[in-house]
Amino acid sequence: TQACYTGPGGTQNVGLCHGGTQTCSGGAWGACLGQVLPAGAETCDGLDNDCDGQTDEAPVAGPLTQACYTGPGGTQNVGLCQGGTQSCTGGAWGACGGQVVPTTEVCDTLDNDCDGTADEGYALQTDVLNCGACAYSCVSHAGAHTFATGCVTGQCQYACQPGYHDLNGDRQLGSNGSGCEYACTLTNGGVE
C-alpha cells in the first residue's frame, strides 16, 4: 500500500482535503481510497470545503451569500414583495436582509399584502376619507363654510354650514370653489 492524493496541487491537508491509500494488486495500483478532494463549491458550514485555506467564502470575494425570502409561498415578486440576501457567518446563514414581505393593505395604490390586487377593501366610491382616490379626504377638501355629507360615486358631497348659502352653485367643488360664500343673518326672530 502507499499514500495517495489525486486532488489539485496545494490542496492536500488544507481544509477538509487529505490523502488516502491505494493498494497494489496484480502489478497495478488500485484506486485511492479514503481521500477527500476539494468540493466544487463552498457550503455554509464553517468548514473549508474547497480546500483553499478559507471557510465559507464566495467564489469571487467576501462571504458566501444566497438569495432568500421568508414570506408566504406565492407572494415573492408580487406587488411590493421581493426577496433579499443572506450571508454566511460562523457556519450559519444570517437574517434575510433587504427582503420585503406582505404587510397589511393600506390605501396607497400599491399592493402591500402581495396578493396581486392593490387597495382592496377600500370603498373609493363611498368612503369620505378615500373618495375617488386613496387619501382624498372630503373633510379636508371642504370649501369655505361647508361640510362633507358623503362620497357618492367617488365624488365628495358638501352642504352649507348653518347660516350660509351657496349663491353661485359651486359648493360641490369643495376647496376648488368658493363654497358657501353668503352669510345670512336672521332678523325679526327668524321669521321673514
N, C-alpha and C. Protein backbone atom coordinates (compact mmCIF):
# COMPACT_ATOMS: atom_id res chain seq x y z
N THR A 1 0.84 -1.17 0.00
CA THR A 1 0.00 0.00 0.00
C THR A 1 0.89 1.24 0.00
N GLN A 2 0.31 2.32 -0.45
CA GLN A 2 1.04 3.59 -0.43
C GLN A 2 0.04 4.74 -0.25
N ALA A 3 0.55 5.85 0.23
CA ALA A 3 -0.27 7.06 0.36
C ALA A 3 -0.54 7.62 -1.03
N CYS A 4 -1.70 8.25 -1.16
CA CYS A 4 -2.05 8.80 -2.46
C CYS A 4 -2.91 10.05 -2.28
N TYR A 5 -2.94 10.87 -3.30
CA TYR A 5 -3.82 12.05 -3.33
C TYR A 5 -3.92 12.47 -4.79
N THR A 6 -5.15 12.58 -5.31
CA THR A 6 -5.33 12.89 -6.73
C THR A 6 -5.91 14.30 -6.94
N GLY A 7 -6.00 15.09 -5.87
CA GLY A 7 -6.54 16.44 -5.98
C GLY A 7 -5.53 17.42 -6.54
N PRO A 8 -5.97 18.65 -6.80
CA PRO A 8 -5.06 19.68 -7.32
C PRO A 8 -3.91 19.94 -6.35
N GLY A 9 -2.77 20.30 -6.91
CA GLY A 9 -1.61 20.62 -6.10
C GLY A 9 -1.89 21.75 -5.11
N GLY A 10 -1.36 21.66 -3.90
CA GLY A 10 -1.53 22.70 -2.90
C GLY A 10 -2.80 22.57 -2.09
N THR A 11 -3.61 21.53 -2.36
CA THR A 11 -4.86 21.40 -1.61
C THR A 11 -4.81 20.27 -0.58
N GLN A 12 -3.84 19.36 -0.69
CA GLN A 12 -3.76 18.26 0.26
C GLN A 12 -3.45 18.79 1.66
N ASN A 13 -4.17 18.29 2.64
CA ASN A 13 -4.04 18.68 4.05
C ASN A 13 -4.38 20.16 4.28
N VAL A 14 -5.21 20.73 3.42
CA VAL A 14 -5.74 22.08 3.59
C VAL A 14 -7.25 21.92 3.73
N GLY A 15 -7.83 22.53 4.73
CA GLY A 15 -9.26 22.39 4.95
C GLY A 15 -9.63 20.95 5.18
N LEU A 16 -10.69 20.49 4.50
CA LEU A 16 -11.15 19.11 4.65
C LEU A 16 -10.33 18.11 3.84
N CYS A 17 -9.50 18.57 2.91
CA CYS A 17 -8.80 17.68 1.98
C CYS A 17 -7.65 16.93 2.65
N HIS A 18 -7.61 15.65 2.36
CA HIS A 18 -6.49 14.83 2.84
C HIS A 18 -6.35 13.62 1.92
N GLY A 19 -5.17 13.02 1.99
CA GLY A 19 -4.87 11.87 1.14
C GLY A 19 -5.50 10.60 1.66
N GLY A 20 -5.38 9.56 0.82
CA GLY A 20 -5.86 8.24 1.16
C GLY A 20 -4.77 7.22 0.95
N THR A 21 -5.18 5.99 0.69
CA THR A 21 -4.21 4.92 0.41
C THR A 21 -4.68 4.13 -0.80
N GLN A 22 -3.69 3.56 -1.48
CA GLN A 22 -4.01 2.68 -2.59
C GLN A 22 -3.18 1.41 -2.44
N THR A 23 -3.73 0.38 -2.94
CA THR A 23 -3.11 -0.93 -2.79
C THR A 23 -2.70 -1.45 -4.16
N CYS A 24 -1.54 -2.13 -4.18
CA CYS A 24 -1.05 -2.72 -5.42
C CYS A 24 -1.66 -4.12 -5.53
N SER A 25 -2.27 -4.38 -6.63
CA SER A 25 -2.88 -5.69 -6.84
C SER A 25 -2.68 -6.06 -8.31
N GLY A 26 -2.10 -7.21 -8.55
CA GLY A 26 -1.88 -7.68 -9.91
C GLY A 26 -0.92 -6.80 -10.67
N GLY A 27 -0.01 -6.15 -9.96
CA GLY A 27 1.01 -5.34 -10.59
C GLY A 27 0.56 -3.93 -10.92
N ALA A 28 -0.62 -3.52 -10.42
CA ALA A 28 -1.09 -2.16 -10.70
C ALA A 28 -1.67 -1.56 -9.43
N TRP A 29 -1.54 -0.26 -9.30
CA TRP A 29 -2.10 0.43 -8.14
C TRP A 29 -3.60 0.61 -8.33
N GLY A 30 -4.32 0.33 -7.28
CA GLY A 30 -5.77 0.49 -7.31
C GLY A 30 -6.16 1.95 -7.06
N ALA A 31 -7.44 2.13 -6.90
CA ALA A 31 -7.98 3.48 -6.65
C ALA A 31 -7.48 4.01 -5.32
N CYS A 32 -7.42 5.32 -5.22
CA CYS A 32 -7.00 5.98 -3.99
C CYS A 32 -8.22 6.06 -3.07
N LEU A 33 -8.23 5.22 -2.05
CA LEU A 33 -9.37 5.12 -1.15
C LEU A 33 -9.18 5.98 0.10
N GLY A 34 -10.28 6.60 0.55
CA GLY A 34 -10.24 7.38 1.78
C GLY A 34 -9.81 8.81 1.62
N GLN A 35 -9.46 9.22 0.41
CA GLN A 35 -9.05 10.60 0.22
C GLN A 35 -10.28 11.51 0.19
N VAL A 36 -10.09 12.76 0.55
CA VAL A 36 -11.15 13.78 0.44
C VAL A 36 -10.60 14.86 -0.47
N LEU A 37 -11.32 15.10 -1.57
CA LEU A 37 -10.90 16.09 -2.58
C LEU A 37 -11.69 17.39 -2.39
N PRO A 38 -11.24 18.49 -2.98
CA PRO A 38 -11.97 19.76 -2.85
C PRO A 38 -13.38 19.64 -3.41
N ALA A 39 -14.34 20.20 -2.67
CA ALA A 39 -15.72 20.23 -3.16
C ALA A 39 -15.80 21.26 -4.29
N GLY A 40 -16.79 21.11 -5.13
CA GLY A 40 -16.95 22.04 -6.24
C GLY A 40 -17.22 23.46 -5.78
N ALA A 41 -17.89 23.62 -4.65
CA ALA A 41 -18.21 24.95 -4.15
C ALA A 41 -18.28 24.92 -2.63
N GLU A 42 -18.08 26.06 -2.03
CA GLU A 42 -18.20 26.17 -0.58
C GLU A 42 -19.66 26.00 -0.16
N THR A 43 -19.88 25.45 1.01
CA THR A 43 -21.20 25.42 1.62
C THR A 43 -21.10 26.13 2.96
N CYS A 44 -22.21 26.61 3.45
CA CYS A 44 -22.22 27.36 4.71
C CYS A 44 -22.22 26.39 5.87
N ASP A 45 -21.02 25.99 6.28
CA ASP A 45 -20.91 25.01 7.37
C ASP A 45 -19.71 25.25 8.28
N GLY A 46 -19.01 26.37 8.08
CA GLY A 46 -17.86 26.68 8.92
C GLY A 46 -16.61 25.89 8.58
N LEU A 47 -16.65 25.16 7.47
CA LEU A 47 -15.51 24.34 7.06
C LEU A 47 -14.96 24.83 5.72
N ASP A 48 -13.71 24.47 5.45
CA ASP A 48 -13.07 24.83 4.19
C ASP A 48 -13.32 23.71 3.19
N ASN A 49 -14.47 23.74 2.51
CA ASN A 49 -14.88 22.67 1.61
C ASN A 49 -14.05 22.61 0.33
N ASP A 50 -13.60 23.75 -0.17
CA ASP A 50 -12.83 23.76 -1.42
C ASP A 50 -11.32 23.76 -1.20
N CYS A 51 -10.92 23.63 0.05
CA CYS A 51 -9.51 23.42 0.42
C CYS A 51 -8.58 24.51 -0.11
N ASP A 52 -9.00 25.76 0.09
CA ASP A 52 -8.17 26.89 -0.33
C ASP A 52 -7.67 27.70 0.86
N GLY A 53 -7.91 27.22 2.07
CA GLY A 53 -7.44 27.91 3.26
C GLY A 53 -8.44 28.91 3.82
N GLN A 54 -9.62 29.04 3.23
CA GLN A 54 -10.66 29.96 3.70
C GLN A 54 -11.96 29.19 3.89
N THR A 55 -12.78 29.65 4.83
CA THR A 55 -14.06 28.98 5.05
C THR A 55 -15.22 29.87 4.62
N ASP A 56 -16.22 29.22 4.05
CA ASP A 56 -17.50 29.87 3.71
C ASP A 56 -17.35 31.15 2.90
N GLU A 57 -16.41 31.16 1.95
CA GLU A 57 -16.21 32.37 1.14
C GLU A 57 -16.91 32.22 -0.21
N ALA A 58 -17.26 33.36 -0.79
CA ALA A 58 -17.89 33.40 -2.11
C ALA A 58 -16.83 33.11 -3.18
N PRO A 59 -17.25 32.70 -4.37
CA PRO A 59 -16.29 32.40 -5.43
C PRO A 59 -15.41 33.59 -5.81
N VAL A 60 -15.94 34.82 -5.74
CA VAL A 60 -15.16 35.99 -6.14
C VAL A 60 -14.43 36.56 -4.93
N ALA A 61 -15.15 37.05 -3.96
CA ALA A 61 -14.55 37.60 -2.74
C ALA A 61 -15.68 37.84 -1.74
N GLY A 62 -15.32 37.94 -0.49
CA GLY A 62 -16.30 38.23 0.54
C GLY A 62 -16.99 36.97 1.04
N PRO A 63 -18.00 37.16 1.90
CA PRO A 63 -18.68 36.00 2.48
C PRO A 63 -19.60 35.31 1.46
N LEU A 64 -19.88 34.07 1.72
CA LEU A 64 -20.81 33.30 0.92
C LEU A 64 -22.21 33.88 1.13
N THR A 65 -22.96 34.10 0.06
CA THR A 65 -24.32 34.65 0.17
C THR A 65 -25.28 33.79 -0.63
N GLN A 66 -26.56 33.95 -0.31
CA GLN A 66 -27.58 33.27 -1.09
C GLN A 66 -28.86 34.10 -1.09
N ALA A 67 -29.68 33.91 -2.11
CA ALA A 67 -30.97 34.58 -2.17
C ALA A 67 -31.88 33.97 -1.11
N CYS A 68 -32.81 34.78 -0.58
CA CYS A 68 -33.71 34.29 0.45
C CYS A 68 -35.05 35.02 0.37
N TYR A 69 -36.07 34.41 0.94
CA TYR A 69 -37.39 35.02 1.07
C TYR A 69 -38.14 34.24 2.15
N THR A 70 -38.63 34.94 3.16
CA THR A 70 -39.32 34.27 4.26
C THR A 70 -40.83 34.52 4.26
N GLY A 71 -41.33 35.22 3.24
CA GLY A 71 -42.76 35.47 3.15
C GLY A 71 -43.51 34.22 2.73
N PRO A 72 -44.84 34.25 2.79
CA PRO A 72 -45.65 33.10 2.38
C PRO A 72 -45.41 32.73 0.93
N GLY A 73 -45.52 31.45 0.63
CA GLY A 73 -45.36 30.98 -0.74
C GLY A 73 -46.30 31.69 -1.70
N GLY A 74 -45.83 31.97 -2.89
CA GLY A 74 -46.64 32.61 -3.91
C GLY A 74 -46.70 34.12 -3.82
N THR A 75 -46.02 34.72 -2.83
CA THR A 75 -46.07 36.18 -2.69
C THR A 75 -44.80 36.88 -3.18
N GLN A 76 -43.71 36.14 -3.33
CA GLN A 76 -42.47 36.78 -3.79
C GLN A 76 -42.65 37.29 -5.21
N ASN A 77 -42.19 38.51 -5.46
CA ASN A 77 -42.28 39.19 -6.76
C ASN A 77 -43.73 39.48 -7.16
N VAL A 78 -44.62 39.59 -6.17
CA VAL A 78 -46.00 40.01 -6.38
C VAL A 78 -46.17 41.30 -5.60
N GLY A 79 -46.71 42.33 -6.22
CA GLY A 79 -46.86 43.61 -5.52
C GLY A 79 -45.52 44.14 -5.07
N LEU A 80 -45.46 44.59 -3.82
CA LEU A 80 -44.21 45.13 -3.27
C LEU A 80 -43.22 44.06 -2.83
N CYS A 81 -43.66 42.83 -2.71
CA CYS A 81 -42.82 41.77 -2.11
C CYS A 81 -41.66 41.36 -3.01
N GLN A 82 -40.51 41.23 -2.39
CA GLN A 82 -39.31 40.82 -3.11
C GLN A 82 -38.37 40.09 -2.16
N GLY A 83 -37.53 39.26 -2.74
CA GLY A 83 -36.56 38.52 -1.96
C GLY A 83 -35.38 39.38 -1.54
N GLY A 84 -34.58 38.82 -0.65
CA GLY A 84 -33.39 39.51 -0.16
C GLY A 84 -32.17 38.62 -0.28
N THR A 85 -31.17 38.90 0.54
CA THR A 85 -29.92 38.15 0.53
C THR A 85 -29.50 37.86 1.96
N GLN A 86 -28.99 36.69 2.18
CA GLN A 86 -28.43 36.37 3.49
C GLN A 86 -26.98 35.92 3.33
N SER A 87 -26.17 36.24 4.34
CA SER A 87 -24.74 35.94 4.31
C SER A 87 -24.43 34.84 5.31
N CYS A 88 -23.41 34.07 4.99
CA CYS A 88 -22.96 33.00 5.87
C CYS A 88 -21.96 33.58 6.86
N THR A 89 -22.25 33.41 8.14
CA THR A 89 -21.36 33.88 9.19
C THR A 89 -21.22 32.78 10.24
N GLY A 90 -20.00 32.38 10.50
CA GLY A 90 -19.76 31.35 11.52
C GLY A 90 -20.41 30.02 11.20
N GLY A 91 -20.56 29.71 9.92
CA GLY A 91 -21.12 28.43 9.53
C GLY A 91 -22.63 28.38 9.51
N ALA A 92 -23.30 29.52 9.64
CA ALA A 92 -24.77 29.55 9.61
C ALA A 92 -25.25 30.73 8.78
N TRP A 93 -26.41 30.56 8.16
CA TRP A 93 -26.99 31.63 7.37
C TRP A 93 -27.59 32.67 8.29
N GLY A 94 -27.30 33.95 8.01
CA GLY A 94 -27.83 35.06 8.80
C GLY A 94 -29.24 35.43 8.37
N ALA A 95 -29.70 36.55 8.88
CA ALA A 95 -31.05 37.05 8.56
C ALA A 95 -31.15 37.40 7.08
N CYS A 96 -32.36 37.37 6.58
CA CYS A 96 -32.62 37.69 5.17
C CYS A 96 -32.76 39.20 5.04
N GLY A 97 -31.68 39.87 4.63
CA GLY A 97 -31.66 41.32 4.53
C GLY A 97 -32.18 41.82 3.20
N GLY A 98 -32.91 42.93 3.23
CA GLY A 98 -33.39 43.56 2.02
C GLY A 98 -34.69 43.00 1.47
N GLN A 99 -35.23 41.97 2.09
CA GLN A 99 -36.48 41.41 1.58
C GLN A 99 -37.67 42.29 1.98
N VAL A 100 -38.73 42.21 1.22
CA VAL A 100 -39.99 42.87 1.56
C VAL A 100 -41.04 41.77 1.57
N VAL A 101 -41.69 41.57 2.71
CA VAL A 101 -42.73 40.55 2.86
C VAL A 101 -44.09 41.24 2.97
N PRO A 102 -45.18 40.49 2.82
CA PRO A 102 -46.51 41.12 2.87
C PRO A 102 -46.78 41.85 4.18
N THR A 103 -47.49 42.98 4.07
CA THR A 103 -47.95 43.74 5.22
C THR A 103 -49.44 43.99 5.04
N THR A 104 -50.05 44.62 6.01
CA THR A 104 -51.47 44.94 5.92
C THR A 104 -51.71 45.90 4.77
N GLU A 105 -52.74 45.64 4.00
CA GLU A 105 -53.08 46.51 2.86
C GLU A 105 -53.47 47.89 3.37
N VAL A 106 -52.91 48.93 2.76
CA VAL A 106 -53.28 50.31 3.03
C VAL A 106 -53.68 50.95 1.70
N CYS A 107 -54.42 52.00 1.77
CA CYS A 107 -54.90 52.67 0.56
C CYS A 107 -53.80 53.61 0.06
N ASP A 108 -52.99 53.11 -0.88
CA ASP A 108 -51.86 53.90 -1.40
C ASP A 108 -51.53 53.57 -2.85
N THR A 109 -52.43 52.92 -3.55
CA THR A 109 -52.29 52.46 -4.93
C THR A 109 -51.24 51.36 -5.11
N LEU A 110 -50.73 50.79 -4.01
CA LEU A 110 -49.74 49.72 -4.08
C LEU A 110 -50.33 48.44 -3.51
N ASP A 111 -49.78 47.31 -3.92
CA ASP A 111 -50.22 46.01 -3.41
C ASP A 111 -49.36 45.64 -2.21
N ASN A 112 -49.75 46.10 -1.03
CA ASN A 112 -48.96 45.90 0.18
C ASN A 112 -49.00 44.47 0.68
N ASP A 113 -50.13 43.77 0.52
CA ASP A 113 -50.24 42.40 1.03
C ASP A 113 -49.87 41.36 -0.02
N CYS A 114 -49.41 41.82 -1.17
CA CYS A 114 -48.81 40.96 -2.21
C CYS A 114 -49.74 39.84 -2.66
N ASP A 115 -51.00 40.20 -2.89
CA ASP A 115 -51.96 39.21 -3.38
C ASP A 115 -52.36 39.48 -4.82
N GLY A 116 -51.71 40.44 -5.47
CA GLY A 116 -51.99 40.75 -6.86
C GLY A 116 -53.01 41.85 -7.06
N THR A 117 -53.57 42.39 -5.98
CA THR A 117 -54.57 43.46 -6.08
C THR A 117 -54.19 44.59 -5.13
N ALA A 118 -54.24 45.82 -5.63
CA ALA A 118 -53.92 46.98 -4.80
C ALA A 118 -55.19 47.56 -4.19
N ASP A 119 -55.09 47.96 -2.95
CA ASP A 119 -56.12 48.74 -2.25
C ASP A 119 -57.46 48.03 -2.11
N GLU A 120 -57.46 46.69 -2.12
CA GLU A 120 -58.73 46.01 -1.91
C GLU A 120 -59.21 46.26 -0.48
N GLY A 121 -60.51 46.33 -0.33
CA GLY A 121 -61.08 46.62 0.98
C GLY A 121 -61.37 48.09 1.19
N TYR A 122 -61.00 48.93 0.25
CA TYR A 122 -61.27 50.37 0.36
C TYR A 122 -62.37 50.73 -0.63
N ALA A 123 -63.40 51.39 -0.14
CA ALA A 123 -64.56 51.76 -0.95
C ALA A 123 -64.34 53.16 -1.52
N LEU A 124 -63.59 53.25 -2.58
CA LEU A 124 -63.25 54.55 -3.17
C LEU A 124 -64.47 55.28 -3.73
N GLN A 125 -65.57 54.58 -3.91
CA GLN A 125 -66.78 55.22 -4.43
C GLN A 125 -67.64 55.81 -3.32
N THR A 126 -67.42 55.38 -2.05
CA THR A 126 -68.30 55.82 -0.97
C THR A 126 -67.60 56.28 0.30
N ASP A 127 -66.30 56.11 0.41
CA ASP A 127 -65.56 56.43 1.65
C ASP A 127 -65.13 57.90 1.65
N VAL A 128 -65.63 58.69 2.61
CA VAL A 128 -65.30 60.13 2.64
C VAL A 128 -63.82 60.38 2.92
N LEU A 129 -63.09 59.38 3.44
CA LEU A 129 -61.66 59.57 3.69
C LEU A 129 -60.80 59.14 2.51
N ASN A 130 -61.39 58.40 1.57
CA ASN A 130 -60.70 57.93 0.37
C ASN A 130 -61.68 58.03 -0.80
N CYS A 131 -62.14 59.22 -1.07
CA CYS A 131 -63.21 59.42 -2.06
C CYS A 131 -62.64 59.60 -3.47
N GLY A 132 -62.86 58.59 -4.30
CA GLY A 132 -62.37 58.65 -5.68
C GLY A 132 -60.92 58.27 -5.82
N ALA A 133 -60.15 58.42 -4.78
CA ALA A 133 -58.72 58.06 -4.78
C ALA A 133 -58.26 57.88 -3.34
N CYS A 134 -57.23 57.12 -3.18
CA CYS A 134 -56.68 56.90 -1.84
C CYS A 134 -56.26 58.22 -1.21
N ALA A 135 -56.61 58.38 0.04
CA ALA A 135 -56.22 59.53 0.86
C ALA A 135 -56.83 60.86 0.41
N TYR A 136 -57.83 60.81 -0.48
CA TYR A 136 -58.52 62.04 -0.84
C TYR A 136 -59.68 62.20 0.14
N SER A 137 -59.49 63.05 1.14
CA SER A 137 -60.47 63.25 2.20
C SER A 137 -61.42 64.38 1.85
N CYS A 138 -62.70 64.05 1.81
CA CYS A 138 -63.71 65.08 1.57
C CYS A 138 -63.68 66.12 2.68
N VAL A 139 -63.39 65.68 3.89
CA VAL A 139 -63.37 66.59 5.04
C VAL A 139 -62.30 67.65 4.87
N SER A 140 -61.11 67.25 4.47
CA SER A 140 -60.01 68.22 4.36
C SER A 140 -60.09 69.04 3.07
N HIS A 141 -60.96 68.66 2.14
CA HIS A 141 -61.12 69.42 0.90
C HIS A 141 -62.42 70.23 0.85
N ALA A 142 -63.06 70.37 1.98
CA ALA A 142 -64.30 71.14 2.03
C ALA A 142 -64.01 72.62 1.75
N GLY A 143 -64.95 73.27 1.06
CA GLY A 143 -64.81 74.69 0.77
C GLY A 143 -65.20 75.54 1.98
N ALA A 144 -65.14 76.84 1.80
CA ALA A 144 -65.46 77.78 2.87
C ALA A 144 -66.90 77.57 3.35
N HIS A 145 -67.05 77.42 4.65
CA HIS A 145 -68.35 77.32 5.31
C HIS A 145 -69.18 76.14 4.82
N THR A 146 -68.49 75.04 4.43
CA THR A 146 -69.19 73.81 4.02
C THR A 146 -68.71 72.66 4.89
N PHE A 147 -69.44 71.54 4.83
CA PHE A 147 -69.00 70.32 5.49
C PHE A 147 -69.37 69.14 4.60
N ALA A 148 -68.57 68.09 4.71
CA ALA A 148 -68.78 66.89 3.89
C ALA A 148 -70.00 66.13 4.39
N THR A 149 -70.86 65.73 3.46
CA THR A 149 -72.03 64.92 3.82
C THR A 149 -71.90 63.50 3.31
N GLY A 150 -70.92 63.21 2.46
CA GLY A 150 -70.73 61.86 1.96
C GLY A 150 -69.86 61.83 0.73
N CYS A 151 -69.71 60.60 0.22
CA CYS A 151 -68.96 60.36 -1.02
C CYS A 151 -69.87 59.49 -1.88
N VAL A 152 -70.25 59.98 -3.04
CA VAL A 152 -71.16 59.25 -3.93
C VAL A 152 -70.50 59.10 -5.28
N THR A 153 -70.39 57.86 -5.73
CA THR A 153 -69.72 57.51 -6.99
C THR A 153 -68.34 58.18 -7.12
N GLY A 154 -67.62 58.23 -6.00
CA GLY A 154 -66.27 58.78 -6.00
C GLY A 154 -66.21 60.29 -6.01
N GLN A 155 -67.32 60.96 -5.74
CA GLN A 155 -67.38 62.42 -5.71
C GLN A 155 -67.82 62.88 -4.33
N CYS A 156 -67.08 63.82 -3.76
CA CYS A 156 -67.44 64.37 -2.44
C CYS A 156 -68.73 65.17 -2.54
N GLN A 157 -69.54 65.05 -1.53
CA GLN A 157 -70.79 65.80 -1.43
C GLN A 157 -70.66 66.76 -0.25
N TYR A 158 -71.11 68.02 -0.44
CA TYR A 158 -70.98 69.04 0.60
C TYR A 158 -72.31 69.75 0.83
N ALA A 159 -72.46 70.26 2.03
CA ALA A 159 -73.62 71.09 2.38
C ALA A 159 -73.11 72.35 3.06
N CYS A 160 -73.93 73.37 3.05
CA CYS A 160 -73.56 74.64 3.68
C CYS A 160 -73.73 74.54 5.20
N GLN A 161 -72.82 75.17 5.92
CA GLN A 161 -72.96 75.28 7.36
C GLN A 161 -74.18 76.15 7.66
N PRO A 162 -74.81 75.95 8.80
CA PRO A 162 -75.98 76.78 9.15
C PRO A 162 -75.63 78.27 9.08
N GLY A 163 -76.51 79.03 8.46
CA GLY A 163 -76.33 80.47 8.36
C GLY A 163 -75.61 80.90 7.09
N TYR A 164 -75.22 79.95 6.22
CA TYR A 164 -74.51 80.27 4.98
C TYR A 164 -75.25 79.67 3.80
N HIS A 165 -75.08 80.30 2.65
CA HIS A 165 -75.73 79.84 1.43
C HIS A 165 -74.74 79.91 0.27
N ASP A 166 -74.97 79.00 -0.69
CA ASP A 166 -74.13 78.93 -1.89
C ASP A 166 -74.86 79.67 -3.02
N LEU A 167 -74.43 80.89 -3.26
CA LEU A 167 -75.12 81.70 -4.26
C LEU A 167 -74.72 81.35 -5.70
N ASN A 168 -73.47 80.94 -5.91
CA ASN A 168 -73.03 80.69 -7.28
C ASN A 168 -73.02 79.20 -7.66
N GLY A 169 -73.49 78.33 -6.77
CA GLY A 169 -73.65 76.91 -7.11
C GLY A 169 -72.38 76.10 -7.23
N ASP A 170 -71.30 76.53 -6.58
CA ASP A 170 -70.04 75.79 -6.71
C ASP A 170 -69.61 75.05 -5.44
N ARG A 171 -70.51 74.87 -4.49
CA ARG A 171 -70.10 74.24 -3.23
C ARG A 171 -69.63 72.80 -3.43
N GLN A 172 -70.12 72.09 -4.47
CA GLN A 172 -69.70 70.71 -4.71
C GLN A 172 -68.27 70.63 -5.23
N LEU A 173 -67.68 71.77 -5.55
CA LEU A 173 -66.27 71.79 -5.98
C LEU A 173 -65.33 71.73 -4.79
N GLY A 174 -65.89 71.76 -3.58
CA GLY A 174 -65.06 71.72 -2.39
C GLY A 174 -64.11 72.89 -2.31
N SER A 175 -62.87 72.64 -1.97
CA SER A 175 -61.89 73.72 -1.82
C SER A 175 -61.50 74.36 -3.15
N ASN A 176 -61.94 73.79 -4.28
CA ASN A 176 -61.67 74.39 -5.59
C ASN A 176 -62.71 75.47 -5.96
N GLY A 177 -63.76 75.58 -5.16
CA GLY A 177 -64.76 76.60 -5.40
C GLY A 177 -64.78 77.59 -4.25
N SER A 178 -65.78 78.48 -4.28
CA SER A 178 -65.86 79.48 -3.20
C SER A 178 -66.72 79.01 -2.04
N GLY A 179 -67.25 77.77 -2.14
CA GLY A 179 -68.02 77.20 -1.03
C GLY A 179 -69.34 77.91 -0.83
N CYS A 180 -69.74 78.05 0.42
CA CYS A 180 -70.98 78.75 0.77
C CYS A 180 -70.58 80.16 1.19
N GLU A 181 -70.57 81.04 0.23
CA GLU A 181 -69.94 82.35 0.40
C GLU A 181 -70.87 83.42 0.99
N TYR A 182 -72.14 83.14 1.08
CA TYR A 182 -73.05 84.18 1.54
C TYR A 182 -73.54 83.87 2.94
N ALA A 183 -73.25 84.77 3.88
CA ALA A 183 -73.72 84.62 5.26
C ALA A 183 -75.08 85.29 5.39
N CYS A 184 -75.99 84.54 5.89
CA CYS A 184 -77.35 85.07 6.05
C CYS A 184 -77.63 85.26 7.54
N THR A 185 -77.88 86.48 7.93
CA THR A 185 -78.19 86.76 9.33
C THR A 185 -79.70 86.87 9.47
N LEU A 186 -80.22 86.02 10.32
CA LEU A 186 -81.67 86.03 10.53
C LEU A 186 -82.10 87.30 11.27
N THR A 187 -83.16 87.91 10.85
CA THR A 187 -83.72 89.08 11.51
C THR A 187 -85.17 88.79 11.88
N ASN A 188 -85.73 89.64 12.65
CA ASN A 188 -87.13 89.51 13.02
C ASN A 188 -87.42 88.17 13.68
N GLY A 189 -86.44 87.68 14.48
CA GLY A 189 -86.64 86.42 15.21
C GLY A 189 -86.65 85.21 14.33
N GLY A 190 -86.11 85.32 13.16
CA GLY A 190 -86.06 84.20 12.25
C GLY A 190 -87.30 84.05 11.40
N VAL A 191 -88.24 84.94 11.54
CA VAL A 191 -89.46 84.89 10.74
C VAL A 191 -89.34 85.99 9.70
N GLU A 192 -89.34 85.62 8.48
CA GLU A 192 -89.17 86.63 7.43
C GLU A 192 -90.45 86.83 6.68
